Amino acid sequence: VARGLTAVAAAGLVYDLVVLPHQLP
């Protein structure tokens, strides 16, 4: 997932977080 997030950043995109409270940390 970290590699994917790096690729999202390299593409100049934004990552939306669809999470629940226990996933916030």
PDBML (XML) file of the C-alpha atoms, coordinates in Angstrom:
<?xml version="1.0" encoding="UTF-8" ?>
<PDBx:datablock datablockName="MODEL"
   xmlns:PDBx="http://pdbml.pdb.org/schema/pdbx-v50.xsd"
   xmlns:xsi="http://www.w3.org/2001/XMLSchema-instance"
   xsi:schemaLocation="http://pdbml.pdb.org/schema/pdbx-v50.xsd pdbx-v50.xsd">
   <PDBx:atom_siteCategory>
      <PDBx:atom_site id="1">
         <PDBx:B_iso_or_equiv>0.00</PDBx:B_iso_or_equiv>
         <PDBx:Cartn_x>0.000</PDBx:Cartn_x>
         <PDBx:Cartn_y>0.000</PDBx:Cartn_y>
         <PDBx:Cartn_z>0.000</PDBx:Cartn_z>
         <PDBx:auth_asym_id>A</PDBx:auth_asym_id>
         <PDBx:auth_atom_id>CA</PDBx:auth_atom_id>
         <PDBx:auth_comp_id>VAL</PDBx:auth_comp_id>
         <PDBx:auth_seq_id>1</PDBx:auth_seq_id>
         <PDBx:group_PDB>ATOM</PDBx:group_PDB>
         <PDBx:label_alt_id xsi:nil="true" />
         <PDBx:label_asym_id>A</PDBx:label_asym_id>
         <PDBx:label_atom_id>CA</PDBx:label_atom_id>
         <PDBx:label_comp_id>VAL</PDBx:label_comp_id>
         <PDBx:label_entity_id>1</PDBx:label_entity_id>
         <PDBx:label_seq_id>1</PDBx:label_seq_id>
         <PDBx:occupancy>1.00</PDBx:occupancy>
         <PDBx:pdbx_PDB_model_num>1</PDBx:pdbx_PDB_model_num>
         <PDBx:type_symbol>C</PDBx:type_symbol>
      </PDBx:atom_site>
      <PDBx:atom_site id="2">
         <PDBx:B_iso_or_equiv>0.00</PDBx:B_iso_or_equiv>
         <PDBx:Cartn_x>2.903</PDBx:Cartn_x>
         <PDBx:Cartn_y>2.348</PDBx:Cartn_y>
         <PDBx:Cartn_z>0.778</PDBx:Cartn_z>
         <PDBx:auth_asym_id>A</PDBx:auth_asym_id>
         <PDBx:auth_atom_id>CA</PDBx:auth_atom_id>
         <PDBx:auth_comp_id>ALA</PDBx:auth_comp_id>
         <PDBx:auth_seq_id>2</PDBx:auth_seq_id>
         <PDBx:group_PDB>ATOM</PDBx:group_PDB>
         <PDBx:label_alt_id xsi:nil="true" />
         <PDBx:label_asym_id>A</PDBx:label_asym_id>
         <PDBx:label_atom_id>CA</PDBx:label_atom_id>
         <PDBx:label_comp_id>ALA</PDBx:label_comp_id>
         <PDBx:label_entity_id>1</PDBx:label_entity_id>
         <PDBx:label_seq_id>2</PDBx:label_seq_id>
         <PDBx:occupancy>1.00</PDBx:occupancy>
         <PDBx:pdbx_PDB_model_num>1</PDBx:pdbx_PDB_model_num>
         <PDBx:type_symbol>C</PDBx:type_symbol>
      </PDBx:atom_site>
      <PDBx:atom_site id="3">
         <PDBx:B_iso_or_equiv>0.00</PDBx:B_iso_or_equiv>
         <PDBx:Cartn_x>4.257</PDBx:Cartn_x>
         <PDBx:Cartn_y>1.723</PDBx:Cartn_y>
         <PDBx:Cartn_z>-2.726</PDBx:Cartn_z>
         <PDBx:auth_asym_id>A</PDBx:auth_asym_id>
         <PDBx:auth_atom_id>CA</PDBx:auth_atom_id>
         <PDBx:auth_comp_id>ARG</PDBx:auth_comp_id>
         <PDBx:auth_seq_id>3</PDBx:auth_seq_id>
         <PDBx:group_PDB>ATOM</PDBx:group_PDB>
         <PDBx:label_alt_id xsi:nil="true" />
         <PDBx:label_asym_id>A</PDBx:label_asym_id>
         <PDBx:label_atom_id>CA</PDBx:label_atom_id>
         <PDBx:label_comp_id>ARG</PDBx:label_comp_id>
         <PDBx:label_entity_id>1</PDBx:label_entity_id>
         <PDBx:label_seq_id>3</PDBx:label_seq_id>
         <PDBx:occupancy>1.00</PDBx:occupancy>
         <PDBx:pdbx_PDB_model_num>1</PDBx:pdbx_PDB_model_num>
         <PDBx:type_symbol>C</PDBx:type_symbol>
      </PDBx:atom_site>
      <PDBx:atom_site id="4">
         <PDBx:B_iso_or_equiv>0.00</PDBx:B_iso_or_equiv>
         <PDBx:Cartn_x>0.829</PDBx:Cartn_x>
         <PDBx:Cartn_y>2.526</PDBx:Cartn_y>
         <PDBx:Cartn_z>-4.116</PDBx:Cartn_z>
         <PDBx:auth_asym_id>A</PDBx:auth_asym_id>
         <PDBx:auth_atom_id>CA</PDBx:auth_atom_id>
         <PDBx:auth_comp_id>GLY</PDBx:auth_comp_id>
         <PDBx:auth_seq_id>4</PDBx:auth_seq_id>
         <PDBx:group_PDB>ATOM</PDBx:group_PDB>
         <PDBx:label_alt_id xsi:nil="true" />
         <PDBx:label_asym_id>A</PDBx:label_asym_id>
         <PDBx:label_atom_id>CA</PDBx:label_atom_id>
         <PDBx:label_comp_id>GLY</PDBx:label_comp_id>
         <PDBx:label_entity_id>1</PDBx:label_entity_id>
         <PDBx:label_seq_id>4</PDBx:label_seq_id>
         <PDBx:occupancy>1.00</PDBx:occupancy>
         <PDBx:pdbx_PDB_model_num>1</PDBx:pdbx_PDB_model_num>
         <PDBx:type_symbol>C</PDBx:type_symbol>
      </PDBx:atom_site>
      <PDBx:atom_site id="5">
         <PDBx:B_iso_or_equiv>0.00</PDBx:B_iso_or_equiv>
         <PDBx:Cartn_x>0.626</PDBx:Cartn_x>
         <PDBx:Cartn_y>5.762</PDBx:Cartn_y>
         <PDBx:Cartn_z>-2.127</PDBx:Cartn_z>
         <PDBx:auth_asym_id>A</PDBx:auth_asym_id>
         <PDBx:auth_atom_id>CA</PDBx:auth_atom_id>
         <PDBx:auth_comp_id>LEU</PDBx:auth_comp_id>
         <PDBx:auth_seq_id>5</PDBx:auth_seq_id>
         <PDBx:group_PDB>ATOM</PDBx:group_PDB>
         <PDBx:label_alt_id xsi:nil="true" />
         <PDBx:label_asym_id>A</PDBx:label_asym_id>
         <PDBx:label_atom_id>CA</PDBx:label_atom_id>
         <PDBx:label_comp_id>LEU</PDBx:label_comp_id>
         <PDBx:label_entity_id>1</PDBx:label_entity_id>
         <PDBx:label_seq_id>5</PDBx:label_seq_id>
         <PDBx:occupancy>1.00</PDBx:occupancy>
         <PDBx:pdbx_PDB_model_num>1</PDBx:pdbx_PDB_model_num>
         <PDBx:type_symbol>C</PDBx:type_symbol>
      </PDBx:atom_site>
      <PDBx:atom_site id="6">
         <PDBx:B_iso_or_equiv>0.00</PDBx:B_iso_or_equiv>
         <PDBx:Cartn_x>4.050</PDBx:Cartn_x>
         <PDBx:Cartn_y>6.739</PDBx:Cartn_y>
         <PDBx:Cartn_z>-3.452</PDBx:Cartn_z>
         <PDBx:auth_asym_id>A</PDBx:auth_asym_id>
         <PDBx:auth_atom_id>CA</PDBx:auth_atom_id>
         <PDBx:auth_comp_id>THR</PDBx:auth_comp_id>
         <PDBx:auth_seq_id>6</PDBx:auth_seq_id>
         <PDBx:group_PDB>ATOM</PDBx:group_PDB>
         <PDBx:label_alt_id xsi:nil="true" />
         <PDBx:label_asym_id>A</PDBx:label_asym_id>
         <PDBx:label_atom_id>CA</PDBx:label_atom_id>
         <PDBx:label_comp_id>THR</PDBx:label_comp_id>
         <PDBx:label_entity_id>1</PDBx:label_entity_id>
         <PDBx:label_seq_id>6</PDBx:label_seq_id>
         <PDBx:occupancy>1.00</PDBx:occupancy>
         <PDBx:pdbx_PDB_model_num>1</PDBx:pdbx_PDB_model_num>
         <PDBx:type_symbol>C</PDBx:type_symbol>
      </PDBx:atom_site>
      <PDBx:atom_site id="7">
         <PDBx:B_iso_or_equiv>0.00</PDBx:B_iso_or_equiv>
         <PDBx:Cartn_x>2.780</PDBx:Cartn_x>
         <PDBx:Cartn_y>6.132</PDBx:Cartn_y>
         <PDBx:Cartn_z>-6.997</PDBx:Cartn_z>
         <PDBx:auth_asym_id>A</PDBx:auth_asym_id>
         <PDBx:auth_atom_id>CA</PDBx:auth_atom_id>
         <PDBx:auth_comp_id>ALA</PDBx:auth_comp_id>
         <PDBx:auth_seq_id>7</PDBx:auth_seq_id>
         <PDBx:group_PDB>ATOM</PDBx:group_PDB>
         <PDBx:label_alt_id xsi:nil="true" />
         <PDBx:label_asym_id>A</PDBx:label_asym_id>
         <PDBx:label_atom_id>CA</PDBx:label_atom_id>
         <PDBx:label_comp_id>ALA</PDBx:label_comp_id>
         <PDBx:label_entity_id>1</PDBx:label_entity_id>
         <PDBx:label_seq_id>7</PDBx:label_seq_id>
         <PDBx:occupancy>1.00</PDBx:occupancy>
         <PDBx:pdbx_PDB_model_num>1</PDBx:pdbx_PDB_model_num>
         <PDBx:type_symbol>C</PDBx:type_symbol>
      </PDBx:atom_site>
      <PDBx:atom_site id="8">
         <PDBx:B_iso_or_equiv>0.00</PDBx:B_iso_or_equiv>
         <PDBx:Cartn_x>-0.339</PDBx:Cartn_x>
         <PDBx:Cartn_y>8.235</PDBx:Cartn_y>
         <PDBx:Cartn_z>-6.333</PDBx:Cartn_z>
         <PDBx:auth_asym_id>A</PDBx:auth_asym_id>
         <PDBx:auth_atom_id>CA</PDBx:auth_atom_id>
         <PDBx:auth_comp_id>VAL</PDBx:auth_comp_id>
         <PDBx:auth_seq_id>8</PDBx:auth_seq_id>
         <PDBx:group_PDB>ATOM</PDBx:group_PDB>
         <PDBx:label_alt_id xsi:nil="true" />
         <PDBx:label_asym_id>A</PDBx:label_asym_id>
         <PDBx:label_atom_id>CA</PDBx:label_atom_id>
         <PDBx:label_comp_id>VAL</PDBx:label_comp_id>
         <PDBx:label_entity_id>1</PDBx:label_entity_id>
         <PDBx:label_seq_id>8</PDBx:label_seq_id>
         <PDBx:occupancy>1.00</PDBx:occupancy>
         <PDBx:pdbx_PDB_model_num>1</PDBx:pdbx_PDB_model_num>
         <PDBx:type_symbol>C</PDBx:type_symbol>
      </PDBx:atom_site>
      <PDBx:atom_site id="9">
         <PDBx:B_iso_or_equiv>0.00</PDBx:B_iso_or_equiv>
         <PDBx:Cartn_x>1.889</PDBx:Cartn_x>
         <PDBx:Cartn_y>11.091</PDBx:Cartn_y>
         <PDBx:Cartn_z>-5.150</PDBx:Cartn_z>
         <PDBx:auth_asym_id>A</PDBx:auth_asym_id>
         <PDBx:auth_atom_id>CA</PDBx:auth_atom_id>
         <PDBx:auth_comp_id>ALA</PDBx:auth_comp_id>
         <PDBx:auth_seq_id>9</PDBx:auth_seq_id>
         <PDBx:group_PDB>ATOM</PDBx:group_PDB>
         <PDBx:label_alt_id xsi:nil="true" />
         <PDBx:label_asym_id>A</PDBx:label_asym_id>
         <PDBx:label_atom_id>CA</PDBx:label_atom_id>
         <PDBx:label_comp_id>ALA</PDBx:label_comp_id>
         <PDBx:label_entity_id>1</PDBx:label_entity_id>
         <PDBx:label_seq_id>9</PDBx:label_seq_id>
         <PDBx:occupancy>1.00</PDBx:occupancy>
         <PDBx:pdbx_PDB_model_num>1</PDBx:pdbx_PDB_model_num>
         <PDBx:type_symbol>C</PDBx:type_symbol>
      </PDBx:atom_site>
      <PDBx:atom_site id="10">
         <PDBx:B_iso_or_equiv>0.00</PDBx:B_iso_or_equiv>
         <PDBx:Cartn_x>4.220</PDBx:Cartn_x>
         <PDBx:Cartn_y>10.727</PDBx:Cartn_y>
         <PDBx:Cartn_z>-8.148</PDBx:Cartn_z>
         <PDBx:auth_asym_id>A</PDBx:auth_asym_id>
         <PDBx:auth_atom_id>CA</PDBx:auth_atom_id>
         <PDBx:auth_comp_id>ALA</PDBx:auth_comp_id>
         <PDBx:auth_seq_id>10</PDBx:auth_seq_id>
         <PDBx:group_PDB>ATOM</PDBx:group_PDB>
         <PDBx:label_alt_id xsi:nil="true" />
         <PDBx:label_asym_id>A</PDBx:label_asym_id>
         <PDBx:label_atom_id>CA</PDBx:label_atom_id>
         <PDBx:label_comp_id>ALA</PDBx:label_comp_id>
         <PDBx:label_entity_id>1</PDBx:label_entity_id>
         <PDBx:label_seq_id>10</PDBx:label_seq_id>
         <PDBx:occupancy>1.00</PDBx:occupancy>
         <PDBx:pdbx_PDB_model_num>1</PDBx:pdbx_PDB_model_num>
         <PDBx:type_symbol>C</PDBx:type_symbol>
      </PDBx:atom_site>
      <PDBx:atom_site id="11">
         <PDBx:B_iso_or_equiv>0.00</PDBx:B_iso_or_equiv>
         <PDBx:Cartn_x>1.219</PDBx:Cartn_x>
         <PDBx:Cartn_y>11.015</PDBx:Cartn_y>
         <PDBx:Cartn_z>-10.457</PDBx:Cartn_z>
         <PDBx:auth_asym_id>A</PDBx:auth_asym_id>
         <PDBx:auth_atom_id>CA</PDBx:auth_atom_id>
         <PDBx:auth_comp_id>ALA</PDBx:auth_comp_id>
         <PDBx:auth_seq_id>11</PDBx:auth_seq_id>
         <PDBx:group_PDB>ATOM</PDBx:group_PDB>
         <PDBx:label_alt_id xsi:nil="true" />
         <PDBx:label_asym_id>A</PDBx:label_asym_id>
         <PDBx:label_atom_id>CA</PDBx:label_atom_id>
         <PDBx:label_comp_id>ALA</PDBx:label_comp_id>
         <PDBx:label_entity_id>1</PDBx:label_entity_id>
         <PDBx:label_seq_id>11</PDBx:label_seq_id>
         <PDBx:occupancy>1.00</PDBx:occupancy>
         <PDBx:pdbx_PDB_model_num>1</PDBx:pdbx_PDB_model_num>
         <PDBx:type_symbol>C</PDBx:type_symbol>
      </PDBx:atom_site>
      <PDBx:atom_site id="12">
         <PDBx:B_iso_or_equiv>0.00</PDBx:B_iso_or_equiv>
         <PDBx:Cartn_x>0.255</PDBx:Cartn_x>
         <PDBx:Cartn_y>14.301</PDBx:Cartn_y>
         <PDBx:Cartn_z>-8.766</PDBx:Cartn_z>
         <PDBx:auth_asym_id>A</PDBx:auth_asym_id>
         <PDBx:auth_atom_id>CA</PDBx:auth_atom_id>
         <PDBx:auth_comp_id>GLY</PDBx:auth_comp_id>
         <PDBx:auth_seq_id>12</PDBx:auth_seq_id>
         <PDBx:group_PDB>ATOM</PDBx:group_PDB>
         <PDBx:label_alt_id xsi:nil="true" />
         <PDBx:label_asym_id>A</PDBx:label_asym_id>
         <PDBx:label_atom_id>CA</PDBx:label_atom_id>
         <PDBx:label_comp_id>GLY</PDBx:label_comp_id>
         <PDBx:label_entity_id>1</PDBx:label_entity_id>
         <PDBx:label_seq_id>12</PDBx:label_seq_id>
         <PDBx:occupancy>1.00</PDBx:occupancy>
         <PDBx:pdbx_PDB_model_num>1</PDBx:pdbx_PDB_model_num>
         <PDBx:type_symbol>C</PDBx:type_symbol>
      </PDBx:atom_site>
      <PDBx:atom_site id="13">
         <PDBx:B_iso_or_equiv>0.00</PDBx:B_iso_or_equiv>
         <PDBx:Cartn_x>-3.012</PDBx:Cartn_x>
         <PDBx:Cartn_y>12.906</PDBx:Cartn_y>
         <PDBx:Cartn_z>-7.474</PDBx:Cartn_z>
         <PDBx:auth_asym_id>A</PDBx:auth_asym_id>
         <PDBx:auth_atom_id>CA</PDBx:auth_atom_id>
         <PDBx:auth_comp_id>LEU</PDBx:auth_comp_id>
         <PDBx:auth_seq_id>13</PDBx:auth_seq_id>
         <PDBx:group_PDB>ATOM</PDBx:group_PDB>
         <PDBx:label_alt_id xsi:nil="true" />
         <PDBx:label_asym_id>A</PDBx:label_asym_id>
         <PDBx:label_atom_id>CA</PDBx:label_atom_id>
         <PDBx:label_comp_id>LEU</PDBx:label_comp_id>
         <PDBx:label_entity_id>1</PDBx:label_entity_id>
         <PDBx:label_seq_id>13</PDBx:label_seq_id>
         <PDBx:occupancy>1.00</PDBx:occupancy>
         <PDBx:pdbx_PDB_model_num>1</PDBx:pdbx_PDB_model_num>
         <PDBx:type_symbol>C</PDBx:type_symbol>
      </PDBx:atom_site>
      <PDBx:atom_site id="14">
         <PDBx:B_iso_or_equiv>0.00</PDBx:B_iso_or_equiv>
         <PDBx:Cartn_x>-4.767</PDBx:Cartn_x>
         <PDBx:Cartn_y>13.181</PDBx:Cartn_y>
         <PDBx:Cartn_z>-4.113</PDBx:Cartn_z>
         <PDBx:auth_asym_id>A</PDBx:auth_asym_id>
         <PDBx:auth_atom_id>CA</PDBx:auth_atom_id>
         <PDBx:auth_comp_id>VAL</PDBx:auth_comp_id>
         <PDBx:auth_seq_id>14</PDBx:auth_seq_id>
         <PDBx:group_PDB>ATOM</PDBx:group_PDB>
         <PDBx:label_alt_id xsi:nil="true" />
         <PDBx:label_asym_id>A</PDBx:label_asym_id>
         <PDBx:label_atom_id>CA</PDBx:label_atom_id>
         <PDBx:label_comp_id>VAL</PDBx:label_comp_id>
         <PDBx:label_entity_id>1</PDBx:label_entity_id>
         <PDBx:label_seq_id>14</PDBx:label_seq_id>
         <PDBx:occupancy>1.00</PDBx:occupancy>
         <PDBx:pdbx_PDB_model_num>1</PDBx:pdbx_PDB_model_num>
         <PDBx:type_symbol>C</PDBx:type_symbol>
      </PDBx:atom_site>
      <PDBx:atom_site id="15">
         <PDBx:B_iso_or_equiv>0.00</PDBx:B_iso_or_equiv>
         <PDBx:Cartn_x>-5.654</PDBx:Cartn_x>
         <PDBx:Cartn_y>10.196</PDBx:Cartn_y>
         <PDBx:Cartn_z>-1.914</PDBx:Cartn_z>
         <PDBx:auth_asym_id>A</PDBx:auth_asym_id>
         <PDBx:auth_atom_id>CA</PDBx:auth_atom_id>
         <PDBx:auth_comp_id>TYR</PDBx:auth_comp_id>
         <PDBx:auth_seq_id>15</PDBx:auth_seq_id>
         <PDBx:group_PDB>ATOM</PDBx:group_PDB>
         <PDBx:label_alt_id xsi:nil="true" />
         <PDBx:label_asym_id>A</PDBx:label_asym_id>
         <PDBx:label_atom_id>CA</PDBx:label_atom_id>
         <PDBx:label_comp_id>TYR</PDBx:label_comp_id>
         <PDBx:label_entity_id>1</PDBx:label_entity_id>
         <PDBx:label_seq_id>15</PDBx:label_seq_id>
         <PDBx:occupancy>1.00</PDBx:occupancy>
         <PDBx:pdbx_PDB_model_num>1</PDBx:pdbx_PDB_model_num>
         <PDBx:type_symbol>C</PDBx:type_symbol>
      </PDBx:atom_site>
      <PDBx:atom_site id="16">
         <PDBx:B_iso_or_equiv>0.00</PDBx:B_iso_or_equiv>
         <PDBx:Cartn_x>-9.058</PDBx:Cartn_x>
         <PDBx:Cartn_y>10.201</PDBx:Cartn_y>
         <PDBx:Cartn_z>-0.252</PDBx:Cartn_z>
         <PDBx:auth_asym_id>A</PDBx:auth_asym_id>
         <PDBx:auth_atom_id>CA</PDBx:auth_atom_id>
         <PDBx:auth_comp_id>ASP</PDBx:auth_comp_id>
         <PDBx:auth_seq_id>16</PDBx:auth_seq_id>
         <PDBx:group_PDB>ATOM</PDBx:group_PDB>
         <PDBx:label_alt_id xsi:nil="true" />
         <PDBx:label_asym_id>A</PDBx:label_asym_id>
         <PDBx:label_atom_id>CA</PDBx:label_atom_id>
         <PDBx:label_comp_id>ASP</PDBx:label_comp_id>
         <PDBx:label_entity_id>1</PDBx:label_entity_id>
         <PDBx:label_seq_id>16</PDBx:label_seq_id>
         <PDBx:occupancy>1.00</PDBx:occupancy>
         <PDBx:pdbx_PDB_model_num>1</PDBx:pdbx_PDB_model_num>
         <PDBx:type_symbol>C</PDBx:type_symbol>
      </PDBx:atom_site>
      <PDBx:atom_site id="17">
         <PDBx:B_iso_or_equiv>0.00</PDBx:B_iso_or_equiv>
         <PDBx:Cartn_x>-9.338</PDBx:Cartn_x>
         <PDBx:Cartn_y>8.264</PDBx:Cartn_y>
         <PDBx:Cartn_z>2.998</PDBx:Cartn_z>
         <PDBx:auth_asym_id>A</PDBx:auth_asym_id>
         <PDBx:auth_atom_id>CA</PDBx:auth_atom_id>
         <PDBx:auth_comp_id>LEU</PDBx:auth_comp_id>
         <PDBx:auth_seq_id>17</PDBx:auth_seq_id>
         <PDBx:group_PDB>ATOM</PDBx:group_PDB>
         <PDBx:label_alt_id xsi:nil="true" />
         <PDBx:label_asym_id>A</PDBx:label_asym_id>
         <PDBx:label_atom_id>CA</PDBx:label_atom_id>
         <PDBx:label_comp_id>LEU</PDBx:label_comp_id>
         <PDBx:label_entity_id>1</PDBx:label_entity_id>
         <PDBx:label_seq_id>17</PDBx:label_seq_id>
         <PDBx:occupancy>1.00</PDBx:occupancy>
         <PDBx:pdbx_PDB_model_num>1</PDBx:pdbx_PDB_model_num>
         <PDBx:type_symbol>C</PDBx:type_symbol>
      </PDBx:atom_site>
      <PDBx:atom_site id="18">
         <PDBx:B_iso_or_equiv>0.00</PDBx:B_iso_or_equiv>
         <PDBx:Cartn_x>-12.610</PDBx:Cartn_x>
         <PDBx:Cartn_y>6.357</PDBx:Cartn_y>
         <PDBx:Cartn_z>3.449</PDBx:Cartn_z>
         <PDBx:auth_asym_id>A</PDBx:auth_asym_id>
         <PDBx:auth_atom_id>CA</PDBx:auth_atom_id>
         <PDBx:auth_comp_id>VAL</PDBx:auth_comp_id>
         <PDBx:auth_seq_id>18</PDBx:auth_seq_id>
         <PDBx:group_PDB>ATOM</PDBx:group_PDB>
         <PDBx:label_alt_id xsi:nil="true" />
         <PDBx:label_asym_id>A</PDBx:label_asym_id>
         <PDBx:label_atom_id>CA</PDBx:label_atom_id>
         <PDBx:label_comp_id>VAL</PDBx:label_comp_id>
         <PDBx:label_entity_id>1</PDBx:label_entity_id>
         <PDBx:label_seq_id>18</PDBx:label_seq_id>
         <PDBx:occupancy>1.00</PDBx:occupancy>
         <PDBx:pdbx_PDB_model_num>1</PDBx:pdbx_PDB_model_num>
         <PDBx:type_symbol>C</PDBx:type_symbol>
      </PDBx:atom_site>
      <PDBx:atom_site id="19">
         <PDBx:B_iso_or_equiv>0.00</PDBx:B_iso_or_equiv>
         <PDBx:Cartn_x>-12.040</PDBx:Cartn_x>
         <PDBx:Cartn_y>5.026</PDBx:Cartn_y>
         <PDBx:Cartn_z>6.946</PDBx:Cartn_z>
         <PDBx:auth_asym_id>A</PDBx:auth_asym_id>
         <PDBx:auth_atom_id>CA</PDBx:auth_atom_id>
         <PDBx:auth_comp_id>VAL</PDBx:auth_comp_id>
         <PDBx:auth_seq_id>19</PDBx:auth_seq_id>
         <PDBx:group_PDB>ATOM</PDBx:group_PDB>
         <PDBx:label_alt_id xsi:nil="true" />
         <PDBx:label_asym_id>A</PDBx:label_asym_id>
         <PDBx:label_atom_id>CA</PDBx:label_atom_id>
         <PDBx:label_comp_id>VAL</PDBx:label_comp_id>
         <PDBx:label_entity_id>1</PDBx:label_entity_id>
         <PDBx:label_seq_id>19</PDBx:label_seq_id>
         <PDBx:occupancy>1.00</PDBx:occupancy>
         <PDBx:pdbx_PDB_model_num>1</PDBx:pdbx_PDB_model_num>
         <PDBx:type_symbol>C</PDBx:type_symbol>
      </PDBx:atom_site>
      <PDBx:atom_site id="20">
         <PDBx:B_iso_or_equiv>0.00</PDBx:B_iso_or_equiv>
         <PDBx:Cartn_x>-13.609</PDBx:Cartn_x>
         <PDBx:Cartn_y>4.375</PDBx:Cartn_y>
         <PDBx:Cartn_z>10.312</PDBx:Cartn_z>
         <PDBx:auth_asym_id>A</PDBx:auth_asym_id>
         <PDBx:auth_atom_id>CA</PDBx:auth_atom_id>
         <PDBx:auth_comp_id>LEU</PDBx:auth_comp_id>
         <PDBx:auth_seq_id>20</PDBx:auth_seq_id>
         <PDBx:group_PDB>ATOM</PDBx:group_PDB>
         <PDBx:label_alt_id xsi:nil="true" />
         <PDBx:label_asym_id>A</PDBx:label_asym_id>
         <PDBx:label_atom_id>CA</PDBx:label_atom_id>
         <PDBx:label_comp_id>LEU</PDBx:label_comp_id>
         <PDBx:label_entity_id>1</PDBx:label_entity_id>
         <PDBx:label_seq_id>20</PDBx:label_seq_id>
         <PDBx:occupancy>1.00</PDBx:occupancy>
         <PDBx:pdbx_PDB_model_num>1</PDBx:pdbx_PDB_model_num>
         <PDBx:type_symbol>C</PDBx:type_symbol>
      </PDBx:atom_site>
      <PDBx:atom_site id="21">
         <PDBx:B_iso_or_equiv>0.00</PDBx:B_iso_or_equiv>
         <PDBx:Cartn_x>-12.482</PDBx:Cartn_x>
         <PDBx:Cartn_y>6.015</PDBx:Cartn_y>
         <PDBx:Cartn_z>13.574</PDBx:Cartn_z>
         <PDBx:auth_asym_id>A</PDBx:auth_asym_id>
         <PDBx:auth_atom_id>CA</PDBx:auth_atom_id>
         <PDBx:auth_comp_id>PRO</PDBx:auth_comp_id>
         <PDBx:auth_seq_id>21</PDBx:auth_seq_id>
         <PDBx:group_PDB>ATOM</PDBx:group_PDB>
         <PDBx:label_alt_id xsi:nil="true" />
         <PDBx:label_asym_id>A</PDBx:label_asym_id>
         <PDBx:label_atom_id>CA</PDBx:label_atom_id>
         <PDBx:label_comp_id>PRO</PDBx:label_comp_id>
         <PDBx:label_entity_id>1</PDBx:label_entity_id>
         <PDBx:label_seq_id>21</PDBx:label_seq_id>
         <PDBx:occupancy>1.00</PDBx:occupancy>
         <PDBx:pdbx_PDB_model_num>1</PDBx:pdbx_PDB_model_num>
         <PDBx:type_symbol>C</PDBx:type_symbol>
      </PDBx:atom_site>
      <PDBx:atom_site id="22">
         <PDBx:B_iso_or_equiv>0.00</PDBx:B_iso_or_equiv>
         <PDBx:Cartn_x>-10.364</PDBx:Cartn_x>
         <PDBx:Cartn_y>3.039</PDBx:Cartn_y>
         <PDBx:Cartn_z>14.669</PDBx:Cartn_z>
         <PDBx:auth_asym_id>A</PDBx:auth_asym_id>
         <PDBx:auth_atom_id>CA</PDBx:auth_atom_id>
         <PDBx:auth_comp_id>HIS</PDBx:auth_comp_id>
         <PDBx:auth_seq_id>22</PDBx:auth_seq_id>
         <PDBx:group_PDB>ATOM</PDBx:group_PDB>
         <PDBx:label_alt_id xsi:nil="true" />
         <PDBx:label_asym_id>A</PDBx:label_asym_id>
         <PDBx:label_atom_id>CA</PDBx:label_atom_id>
         <PDBx:label_comp_id>HIS</PDBx:label_comp_id>
         <PDBx:label_entity_id>1</PDBx:label_entity_id>
         <PDBx:label_seq_id>22</PDBx:label_seq_id>
         <PDBx:occupancy>1.00</PDBx:occupancy>
         <PDBx:pdbx_PDB_model_num>1</PDBx:pdbx_PDB_model_num>
         <PDBx:type_symbol>C</PDBx:type_symbol>
      </PDBx:atom_site>
      <PDBx:atom_site id="23">
         <PDBx:B_iso_or_equiv>0.00</PDBx:B_iso_or_equiv>
         <PDBx:Cartn_x>-8.343</PDBx:Cartn_x>
         <PDBx:Cartn_y>3.406</PDBx:Cartn_y>
         <PDBx:Cartn_z>11.437</PDBx:Cartn_z>
         <PDBx:auth_asym_id>A</PDBx:auth_asym_id>
         <PDBx:auth_atom_id>CA</PDBx:auth_atom_id>
         <PDBx:auth_comp_id>GLN</PDBx:auth_comp_id>
         <PDBx:auth_seq_id>23</PDBx:auth_seq_id>
         <PDBx:group_PDB>ATOM</PDBx:group_PDB>
         <PDBx:label_alt_id xsi:nil="true" />
         <PDBx:label_asym_id>A</PDBx:label_asym_id>
         <PDBx:label_atom_id>CA</PDBx:label_atom_id>
         <PDBx:label_comp_id>GLN</PDBx:label_comp_id>
         <PDBx:label_entity_id>1</PDBx:label_entity_id>
         <PDBx:label_seq_id>23</PDBx:label_seq_id>
         <PDBx:occupancy>1.00</PDBx:occupancy>
         <PDBx:pdbx_PDB_model_num>1</PDBx:pdbx_PDB_model_num>
         <PDBx:type_symbol>C</PDBx:type_symbol>
      </PDBx:atom_site>
      <PDBx:atom_site id="24">
         <PDBx:B_iso_or_equiv>0.00</PDBx:B_iso_or_equiv>
         <PDBx:Cartn_x>-7.433</PDBx:Cartn_x>
         <PDBx:Cartn_y>7.069</PDBx:Cartn_y>
         <PDBx:Cartn_z>12.019</PDBx:Cartn_z>
         <PDBx:auth_asym_id>A</PDBx:auth_asym_id>
         <PDBx:auth_atom_id>CA</PDBx:auth_atom_id>
         <PDBx:auth_comp_id>LEU</PDBx:auth_comp_id>
         <PDBx:auth_seq_id>24</PDBx:auth_seq_id>
         <PDBx:group_PDB>ATOM</PDBx:group_PDB>
         <PDBx:label_alt_id xsi:nil="true" />
         <PDBx:label_asym_id>A</PDBx:label_asym_id>
         <PDBx:label_atom_id>CA</PDBx:label_atom_id>
         <PDBx:label_comp_id>LEU</PDBx:label_comp_id>
         <PDBx:label_entity_id>1</PDBx:label_entity_id>
         <PDBx:label_seq_id>24</PDBx:label_seq_id>
         <PDBx:occupancy>1.00</PDBx:occupancy>
         <PDBx:pdbx_PDB_model_num>1</PDBx:pdbx_PDB_model_num>
         <PDBx:type_symbol>C</PDBx:type_symbol>
      </PDBx:atom_site>
      <PDBx:atom_site id="25">
         <PDBx:B_iso_or_equiv>0.00</PDBx:B_iso_or_equiv>
         <PDBx:Cartn_x>-4.118</PDBx:Cartn_x>
         <PDBx:Cartn_y>6.304</PDBx:Cartn_y>
         <PDBx:Cartn_z>13.783</PDBx:Cartn_z>
         <PDBx:auth_asym_id>A</PDBx:auth_asym_id>
         <PDBx:auth_atom_id>CA</PDBx:auth_atom_id>
         <PDBx:auth_comp_id>PRO</PDBx:auth_comp_id>
         <PDBx:auth_seq_id>25</PDBx:auth_seq_id>
         <PDBx:group_PDB>ATOM</PDBx:group_PDB>
         <PDBx:label_alt_id xsi:nil="true" />
         <PDBx:label_asym_id>A</PDBx:label_asym_id>
         <PDBx:label_atom_id>CA</PDBx:label_atom_id>
         <PDBx:label_comp_id>PRO</PDBx:label_comp_id>
         <PDBx:label_entity_id>1</PDBx:label_entity_id>
         <PDBx:label_seq_id>25</PDBx:label_seq_id>
         <PDBx:occupancy>1.00</PDBx:occupancy>
         <PDBx:pdbx_PDB_model_num>1</PDBx:pdbx_PDB_model_num>
         <PDBx:type_symbol>C</PDBx:type_symbol>
      </PDBx:atom_site>
   </PDBx:atom_siteCategory>
</PDBx:datablock>
